[in-house]
PDB file of N, CA and C in Angstrom:
ATOM      1  N   MET A   1      -7.147  13.718 -29.187  1.00  0.00           N
ATOM      2  CA  MET A   1      -5.892  13.526 -28.476  1.00  0.00           C
ATOM      3  C   MET A   1      -5.562  14.752 -27.631  1.00  0.00           C
ATOM      4  N   THR A   2      -5.843  15.908 -28.161  1.00  0.00           N
ATOM      5  CA  THR A   2      -5.580  17.148 -27.433  1.00  0.00           C
ATOM      6  C   THR A   2      -6.417  17.202 -26.162  1.00  0.00           C
ATOM      7  N   GLU A   3      -7.666  16.784 -26.257  1.00  0.00           N
ATOM      8  CA  GLU A   3      -8.550  16.787 -25.096  1.00  0.00           C
ATOM      9  C   GLU A   3      -8.017  15.855 -24.008  1.00  0.00           C
ATOM     10  N   PHE A   4      -7.559  14.692 -24.410  1.00  0.00           N
ATOM     11  CA  PHE A   4      -6.984  13.736 -23.469  1.00  0.00           C
ATOM     12  C   PHE A   4      -5.751  14.333 -22.793  1.00  0.00           C
ATOM     13  N   LYS A   5      -4.891  14.951 -23.578  1.00  0.00           N
ATOM     14  CA  LYS A   5      -3.678  15.578 -23.044  1.00  0.00           C
ATOM     15  C   LYS A   5      -4.025  16.659 -22.025  1.00  0.00           C
ATOM     16  N   GLU A   6      -5.037  17.464 -22.324  1.00  0.00           N
ATOM     17  CA  GLU A   6      -5.455  18.529 -21.408  1.00  0.00           C
ATOM     18  C   GLU A   6      -5.990  17.955 -20.102  1.00  0.00           C
ATOM     19  N   LYS A   7      -6.729  16.849 -20.183  1.00  0.00           N
ATOM     20  CA  LYS A   7      -7.254  16.215 -18.965  1.00  0.00           C
ATOM     21  C   LYS A   7      -6.114  15.670 -18.104  1.00  0.00           C
ATOM     22  N   ILE A   8      -5.128  15.061 -18.737  1.00  0.00           N
ATOM     23  CA  ILE A   8      -3.974  14.530 -17.997  1.00  0.00           C
ATOM     24  C   ILE A   8      -3.203  15.666 -17.334  1.00  0.00           C
ATOM     25  N   GLU A   9      -2.979  16.743 -18.082  1.00  0.00           N
ATOM     26  CA  GLU A   9      -2.274  17.892 -17.515  1.00  0.00           C
ATOM     27  C   GLU A   9      -3.049  18.484 -16.341  1.00  0.00           C
ATOM     28  N   GLY A  10      -4.382  18.508 -16.468  1.00  0.00           N
ATOM     29  CA  GLY A  10      -5.220  18.994 -15.371  1.00  0.00           C
ATOM     30  C   GLY A  10      -5.068  18.135 -14.127  1.00  0.00           C
ATOM     31  N   LEU A  11      -5.038  16.830 -14.297  1.00  0.00           N
ATOM     32  CA  LEU A  11      -4.822  15.927 -13.161  1.00  0.00           C
ATOM     33  C   LEU A  11      -3.451  16.150 -12.535  1.00  0.00           C
ATOM     34  N   ASN A  12      -2.453  16.275 -13.370  1.00  0.00           N
ATOM     35  CA  ASN A  12      -1.092  16.461 -12.871  1.00  0.00           C
ATOM     36  C   ASN A  12      -0.940  17.753 -12.080  1.00  0.00           C
ATOM     37  N   ASN A  13      -1.795  18.718 -12.315  1.00  0.00           N
ATOM     38  CA  ASN A  13      -1.734  19.996 -11.603  1.00  0.00           C
ATOM     39  C   ASN A  13      -2.696  20.047 -10.415  1.00  0.00           C
ATOM     40  N   ASN A  14      -3.486  19.001 -10.226  1.00  0.00           N
ATOM     41  CA  ASN A  14      -4.473  18.946  -9.159  1.00  0.00           C
ATOM     42  C   ASN A  14      -3.797  18.547  -7.845  1.00  0.00           C
ATOM     43  N   LYS A  15      -3.920  19.401  -6.819  1.00  0.00           N
ATOM     44  CA  LYS A  15      -3.246  19.155  -5.531  1.00  0.00           C
ATOM     45  C   LYS A  15      -3.727  17.875  -4.851  1.00  0.00           C
ATOM     46  N   ARG A  16      -5.034  17.634  -4.873  1.00  0.00           N
ATOM     47  CA  ARG A  16      -5.565  16.424  -4.221  1.00  0.00           C
ATOM     48  C   ARG A  16      -5.070  15.166  -4.911  1.00  0.00           C
ATOM     49  N   TYR A  17      -4.973  15.196  -6.233  1.00  0.00           N
ATOM     50  CA  TYR A  17      -4.464  14.056  -6.988  1.00  0.00           C
ATOM     51  C   TYR A  17      -2.994  13.818  -6.662  1.00  0.00           C
ATOM     52  N   LYS A  18      -2.228  14.894  -6.553  1.00  0.00           N
ATOM     53  CA  LYS A  18      -0.811  14.773  -6.201  1.00  0.00           C
ATOM     54  C   LYS A  18      -0.649  14.173  -4.806  1.00  0.00           C
ATOM     55  N   GLN A  19      -1.505  14.594  -3.854  1.00  0.00           N
ATOM     56  CA  GLN A  19      -1.440  14.036  -2.500  1.00  0.00           C
ATOM     57  C   GLN A  19      -1.762  12.549  -2.523  1.00  0.00           C
ATOM     58  N   PHE A  20      -2.767  12.169  -3.287  1.00  0.00           N
ATOM     59  CA  PHE A  20      -3.143  10.763  -3.406  1.00  0.00           C
ATOM     60  C   PHE A  20      -1.974   9.952  -3.947  1.00  0.00           C
ATOM     61  N   LEU A  21      -1.360  10.429  -5.017  1.00  0.00           N
ATOM     62  CA  LEU A  21      -0.217   9.718  -5.596  1.00  0.00           C
ATOM     63  C   LEU A  21       0.930   9.632  -4.606  1.00  0.00           C
ATOM     64  N   SER A  22       1.136  10.682  -3.856  1.00  0.00           N
ATOM     65  CA  SER A  22       2.210  10.702  -2.871  1.00  0.00           C
ATOM     66  C   SER A  22       1.974   9.641  -1.794  1.00  0.00           C
ATOM     67  N   VAL A  23       0.747   9.529  -1.316  1.00  0.00           N
ATOM     68  CA  VAL A  23       0.413   8.531  -0.291  1.00  0.00           C
ATOM     69  C   VAL A  23       0.601   7.129  -0.856  1.00  0.00           C
ATOM     70  N   GLU A  24       0.121   6.898  -2.069  1.00  0.00           N
ATOM     71  CA  GLU A  24       0.268   5.586  -2.689  1.00  0.00           C
ATOM     72  C   GLU A  24       1.749   5.226  -2.858  1.00  0.00           C
ATOM     73  N   GLU A  25       2.552   6.179  -3.276  1.00  0.00           N
ATOM     74  CA  GLU A  25       3.985   5.939  -3.453  1.00  0.00           C
ATOM     75  C   GLU A  25       4.650   5.643  -2.107  1.00  0.00           C
ATOM     76  N   ASP A  26       4.265   6.385  -1.078  1.00  0.00           N
ATOM     77  CA  ASP A  26       4.809   6.134   0.259  1.00  0.00           C
ATOM     78  C   ASP A  26       4.466   4.723   0.732  1.00  0.00           C
ATOM     79  N   MET A  27       3.226   4.301   0.510  1.00  0.00           N
ATOM     80  CA  MET A  27       2.816   2.966   0.925  1.00  0.00           C
ATOM     81  C   MET A  27       3.601   1.896   0.167  1.00  0.00           C
ATOM     82  N   ARG A  28       3.828   2.114  -1.112  1.00  0.00           N
ATOM     83  CA  ARG A  28       4.596   1.166  -1.913  1.00  0.00           C
ATOM     84  C   ARG A  28       6.032   1.073  -1.385  1.00  0.00           C
ATOM     85  N   LYS A  29       6.611   2.206  -1.020  1.00  0.00           N
ATOM     86  CA  LYS A  29       7.971   2.210  -0.475  1.00  0.00           C
ATOM     87  C   LYS A  29       8.027   1.483   0.867  1.00  0.00           C
ATOM     88  N   ILE A  30       7.021   1.707   1.712  1.00  0.00           N
ATOM     89  CA  ILE A  30       6.969   1.028   3.009  1.00  0.00           C
ATOM     90  C   ILE A  30       6.875  -0.482   2.803  1.00  0.00           C
ATOM     91  N   ASN A  31       6.004  -0.907   1.902  1.00  0.00           N
ATOM     92  CA  ASN A  31       5.865  -2.341   1.596  1.00  0.00           C
ATOM     93  C   ASN A  31       7.197  -2.927   1.157  1.00  0.00           C
ATOM     94  N   ASN A  32       7.814  -2.267   0.220  1.00  0.00           N
ATOM     95  CA  ASN A  32       9.085  -2.769  -0.311  1.00  0.00           C
ATOM     96  C   ASN A  32      10.160  -2.820   0.762  1.00  0.00           C
ATOM     97  N   THR A  33      10.159  -1.845   1.647  1.00  0.00           N
ATOM     98  CA  THR A  33      11.145  -1.827   2.734  1.00  0.00           C
ATOM     99  C   THR A  33      10.938  -3.014   3.669  1.00  0.00           C
ATOM    100  N   PHE A  34       9.672  -3.258   4.077  1.00  0.00           N
ATOM    101  CA  PHE A  34       9.387  -4.404   4.948  1.00  0.00           C
ATOM    102  C   PHE A  34       9.812  -5.706   4.289  1.00  0.00           C
ATOM    103  N   LYS A  35       9.470  -5.855   3.036  1.00  0.00           N
ATOM    104  CA  LYS A  35       9.810  -7.084   2.325  1.00  0.00           C
ATOM    105  C   LYS A  35      11.321  -7.268   2.221  1.00  0.00           C
ATOM    106  N   GLU A  36      12.034  -6.214   1.913  1.00  0.00           N
ATOM    107  CA  GLU A  36      13.486  -6.299   1.747  1.00  0.00           C
ATOM    108  C   GLU A  36      14.176  -6.605   3.074  1.00  0.00           C
ATOM    109  N   ILE A  37      13.747  -5.966   4.131  1.00  0.00           N
ATOM    110  CA  ILE A  37      14.337  -6.239   5.451  1.00  0.00           C
ATOM    111  C   ILE A  37      14.114  -7.702   5.822  1.00  0.00           C
ATOM    112  N   GLY A  38      12.911  -8.180   5.613  1.00  0.00           N
ATOM    113  CA  GLY A  38      12.611  -9.582   5.912  1.00  0.00           C
ATOM    114  C   GLY A  38      13.476 -10.538   5.113  1.00  0.00           C
ATOM    115  N   ARG A  39      13.649 -10.255   3.836  1.00  0.00           N
ATOM    116  CA  ARG A  39      14.496 -11.122   2.997  1.00  0.00           C
ATOM    117  C   ARG A  39      15.942 -11.094   3.468  1.00  0.00           C
ATOM    118  N   ARG A  40      16.456  -9.901   3.724  1.00  0.00           N
ATOM    119  CA  ARG A  40      17.856  -9.764   4.137  1.00  0.00           C
ATOM    120  C   ARG A  40      18.121 -10.449   5.475  1.00  0.00           C
ATOM    121  N   GLU A  41      17.193 -10.286   6.388  1.00  0.00           N
ATOM    122  CA  GLU A  41      17.390 -10.821   7.731  1.00  0.00           C
ATOM    123  C   GLU A  41      16.939 -12.267   7.860  1.00  0.00           C
ATOM    124  N   GLY A  42      16.280 -12.777   6.842  1.00  0.00           N
ATOM    125  CA  GLY A  42      15.763 -14.141   6.910  1.00  0.00           C
ATOM    126  C   GLY A  42      14.700 -14.284   7.976  1.00  0.00           C
ATOM    127  N   ILE A  43      13.953 -13.226   8.189  1.00  0.00           N
ATOM    128  CA  ILE A  43      12.940 -13.206   9.250  1.00  0.00           C
ATOM    129  C   ILE A  43      11.632 -13.801   8.732  1.00  0.00           C
ATOM    130  N   GLU A  44      11.122 -14.739   9.483  1.00  0.00           N
ATOM    131  CA  GLU A  44       9.804 -15.287   9.179  1.00  0.00           C
ATOM    132  C   GLU A  44       8.817 -14.609  10.121  1.00  0.00           C
ATOM    133  N   ILE A  45       7.854 -13.942   9.558  1.00  0.00           N
ATOM    134  CA  ILE A  45       6.876 -13.217  10.361  1.00  0.00           C
ATOM    135  C   ILE A  45       5.739 -14.159  10.710  1.00  0.00           C
ATOM    136  N   GLY A  46       5.397 -14.217  12.003  1.00  0.00           N
ATOM    137  CA  GLY A  46       4.331 -15.084  12.475  1.00  0.00           C
ATOM    138  C   GLY A  46       2.956 -14.498  12.222  1.00  0.00           C
ATOM    139  N   ALA A  47       1.938 -15.300  12.464  1.00  0.00           N
ATOM    140  CA  ALA A  47       0.554 -14.912  12.194  1.00  0.00           C
ATOM    141  C   ALA A  47       0.136 -13.675  12.984  1.00  0.00           C
ATOM    142  N   LEU A  48       0.505 -13.610  14.263  1.00  0.00           N
ATOM    143  CA  LEU A  48       0.118 -12.455  15.076  1.00  0.00           C
ATOM    144  C   LEU A  48       0.769 -11.179  14.572  1.00  0.00           C
ATOM    145  N   GLU A  49       2.022 -11.286  14.175  1.00  0.00           N
ATOM    146  CA  GLU A  49       2.713 -10.115  13.636  1.00  0.00           C
ATOM    147  C   GLU A  49       2.070  -9.665  12.326  1.00  0.00           C
ATOM    148  N   LYS A  50       1.687 -10.629  11.487  1.00  0.00           N
ATOM    149  CA  LYS A  50       1.041 -10.294  10.217  1.00  0.00           C
ATOM    150  C   LYS A  50      -0.279  -9.565  10.461  1.00  0.00           C
ATOM    151  N   ILE A  51      -1.018 -10.019  11.455  1.00  0.00           N
ATOM    152  CA  ILE A  51      -2.296  -9.377  11.785  1.00  0.00           C
ATOM    153  C   ILE A  51      -2.055  -7.957  12.273  1.00  0.00           C
ATOM    154  N   GLN A  52      -1.067  -7.760  13.116  1.00  0.00           N
ATOM    155  CA  GLN A  52      -0.773  -6.415  13.613  1.00  0.00           C
ATOM    156  C   GLN A  52      -0.320  -5.501  12.480  1.00  0.00           C
ATOM    157  N   ILE A  53       0.512  -6.025  11.604  1.00  0.00           N
ATOM    158  CA  ILE A  53       0.955  -5.244  10.447  1.00  0.00           C
ATOM    159  C   ILE A  53      -0.244  -4.881   9.582  1.00  0.00           C
ATOM    160  N   ALA A  54      -1.141  -5.837   9.357  1.00  0.00           N
ATOM    161  CA  ALA A  54      -2.337  -5.588   8.557  1.00  0.00           C
ATOM    162  C   ALA A  54      -3.198  -4.494   9.188  1.00  0.00           C
ATOM    163  N   LYS A  55      -3.355  -4.542  10.506  1.00  0.00           N
ATOM    164  CA  LYS A  55      -4.134  -3.503  11.204  1.00  0.00           C
ATOM    165  C   LYS A  55      -3.484  -2.136  11.017  1.00  0.00           C
ATOM    166  N   ASN A  56      -2.176  -2.088  11.151  1.00  0.00           N
ATOM    167  CA  ASN A  56      -1.468  -0.816  10.975  1.00  0.00           C
ATOM    168  C   ASN A  56      -1.644  -0.284   9.557  1.00  0.00           C
ATOM    169  N   LEU A  57      -1.542  -1.162   8.581  1.00  0.00           N
ATOM    170  CA  LEU A  57      -1.683  -0.738   7.192  1.00  0.00           C
ATOM    171  C   LEU A  57      -3.120  -0.308   6.886  1.00  0.00           C
ATOM    172  N   LEU A  58      -4.100  -0.972   7.493  1.00  0.00           N
ATOM    173  CA  LEU A  58      -5.489  -0.533   7.338  1.00  0.00           C
ATOM    174  C   LEU A  58      -5.667   0.875   7.891  1.00  0.00           C
ATOM    175  N   ASN A  59      -5.068   1.126   9.047  1.00  0.00           N
ATOM    176  CA  ASN A  59      -5.142   2.466   9.638  1.00  0.00           C
ATOM    177  C   ASN A  59      -4.476   3.518   8.759  1.00  0.00           C
ATOM    178  N   MET A  60      -3.514   3.089   7.953  1.00  0.00           N
ATOM    179  CA  MET A  60      -2.836   3.999   7.038  1.00  0.00           C
ATOM    180  C   MET A  60      -3.578   4.106   5.704  1.00  0.00           C
ATOM    181  N   LYS A  61      -4.759   3.465   5.637  1.00  0.00           N
ATOM    182  CA  LYS A  61      -5.632   3.523   4.459  1.00  0.00           C
ATOM    183  C   LYS A  61      -5.082   2.775   3.240  1.00  0.00           C
ATOM    184  N   MET A  62      -4.258   1.762   3.467  1.00  0.00           N
ATOM    185  CA  MET A  62      -3.781   0.938   2.357  1.00  0.00           C
ATOM    186  C   MET A  62      -4.923   0.039   1.909  1.00  0.00           C
ATOM    187  N   SER A  63      -4.966  -0.280   0.633  1.00  0.00           N
ATOM    188  CA  SER A  63      -6.029  -1.135   0.116  1.00  0.00           C
ATOM    189  C   SER A  63      -5.881  -2.561   0.660  1.00  0.00           C
ATOM    190  N   ILE A  64      -7.001  -3.226   0.805  1.00  0.00           N
ATOM    191  CA  ILE A  64      -7.007  -4.595   1.322  1.00  0.00           C
ATOM    192  C   ILE A  64      -6.203  -5.515   0.412  1.00  0.00           C
ATOM    193  N   GLU A  65      -6.294  -5.290  -0.885  1.00  0.00           N
ATOM    194  CA  GLU A  65      -5.556  -6.122  -1.831  1.00  0.00           C
ATOM    195  C   GLU A  65      -4.039  -5.983  -1.608  1.00  0.00           C
ATOM    196  N   ASN A  66      -3.574  -4.760  -1.410  1.00  0.00           N
ATOM    197  CA  ASN A  66      -2.139  -4.551  -1.175  1.00  0.00           C
ATOM    198  C   ASN A  66      -1.704  -5.110   0.176  1.00  0.00           C
ATOM    199  N   ILE A  67      -2.574  -5.012   1.167  1.00  0.00           N
ATOM    200  CA  ILE A  67      -2.254  -5.591   2.481  1.00  0.00           C
ATOM    201  C   ILE A  67      -2.121  -7.099   2.348  1.00  0.00           C
ATOM    202  N   SER A  68      -3.011  -7.698   1.592  1.00  0.00           N
ATOM    203  CA  SER A  68      -2.956  -9.139   1.367  1.00  0.00           C
ATOM    204  C   SER A  68      -1.638  -9.529   0.695  1.00  0.00           C
ATOM    205  N   LYS A  69      -1.253  -8.769  -0.322  1.00  0.00           N
ATOM    206  CA  LYS A  69       0.006  -9.049  -1.016  1.00  0.00           C
ATOM    207  C   LYS A  69       1.203  -8.883  -0.088  1.00  0.00           C
ATOM    208  N   THR A  70       1.141  -7.892   0.780  1.00  0.00           N
ATOM    209  CA  THR A  70       2.257  -7.589   1.672  1.00  0.00           C
ATOM    210  C   THR A  70       2.397  -8.615   2.790  1.00  0.00           C
ATOM    211  N   THR A  71       1.270  -8.979   3.405  1.00  0.00           N
ATOM    212  CA  THR A  71       1.315  -9.835   4.586  1.00  0.00           C
ATOM    213  C   THR A  71       1.134 -11.316   4.286  1.00  0.00           C
ATOM    214  N   GLY A  72       0.524 -11.610   3.145  1.00  0.00           N
ATOM    215  CA  GLY A  72       0.212 -13.004   2.835  1.00  0.00           C
ATOM    216  C   GLY A  72      -1.104 -13.460   3.437  1.00  0.00           C
ATOM    217  N   LEU A  73      -1.796 -12.559   4.145  1.00  0.00           N
ATOM    218  CA  LEU A  73      -3.106 -12.892   4.692  1.00  0.00           C
ATOM    219  C   LEU A  73      -4.132 -12.871   3.571  1.00  0.00           C
ATOM    220  N   ILE A  74      -5.160 -13.692   3.705  1.00  0.00           N
ATOM    221  CA  ILE A  74      -6.201 -13.681   2.675  1.00  0.00           C
ATOM    222  C   ILE A  74      -7.127 -12.484   2.929  1.00  0.00           C
ATOM    223  N   ILE A  75      -7.772 -12.043   1.870  1.00  0.00           N
ATOM    224  CA  ILE A  75      -8.617 -10.849   1.939  1.00  0.00           C
ATOM    225  C   ILE A  75      -9.708 -10.988   2.991  1.00  0.00           C
ATOM    226  N   ALA A  76     -10.322 -12.157   3.091  1.00  0.00           N
ATOM    227  CA  ALA A  76     -11.387 -12.370   4.073  1.00  0.00           C
ATOM    228  C   ALA A  76     -10.887 -12.154   5.501  1.00  0.00           C
ATOM    229  N   GLU A  77      -9.654 -12.581   5.784  1.00  0.00           N
ATOM    230  CA  GLU A  77      -9.086 -12.366   7.118  1.00  0.00           C
ATOM    231  C   GLU A  77      -8.905 -10.880   7.407  1.00  0.00           C
ATOM    232  N   ILE A  78      -8.439 -10.156   6.400  1.00  0.00           N
ATOM    233  CA  ILE A  78      -8.191  -8.720   6.578  1.00  0.00           C
ATOM    234  C   ILE A  78      -9.504  -7.978   6.760  1.00  0.00           C
ATOM    235  N   GLN A  79     -10.533  -8.365   6.027  1.00  0.00           N
ATOM    236  CA  GLN A  79     -11.827  -7.711   6.143  1.00  0.00           C
ATOM    237  C   GLN A  79     -12.412  -7.875   7.544  1.00  0.00           C
ATOM    238  N   LYS A  80     -12.077  -8.945   8.240  1.00  0.00           N
ATOM    239  CA  LYS A  80     -12.578  -9.166   9.597  1.00  0.00           C
ATOM    240  C   LYS A  80     -11.917  -8.235  10.609  1.00  0.00           C
ATOM    241  N   LEU A  81     -10.742  -7.702  10.252  1.00  0.00           N
ATOM    242  CA  LEU A  81     -10.019  -6.838  11.174  1.00  0.00           C
ATOM    243  C   LEU A  81     -10.722  -5.496  11.296  1.00  0.00           C
TER     244      LEU A  81
END
């Protein structure tokens, strides 16, 4: 158990790991913001907009699975982008 605790503490002090977590958290916040705005405004996003959003999220290094969840596009469609 002590060894496991030391490994976790080492990760928590690792700058690259902290940056990774920060990026992932930022992406999650962006996703949630888009979803909430859409719900509040009753906005239906069209196919072209979803594709553009997916391209932007790919450029931001978001995972294909999360892009699929966010946009509603299937993974195969996103992989073609």
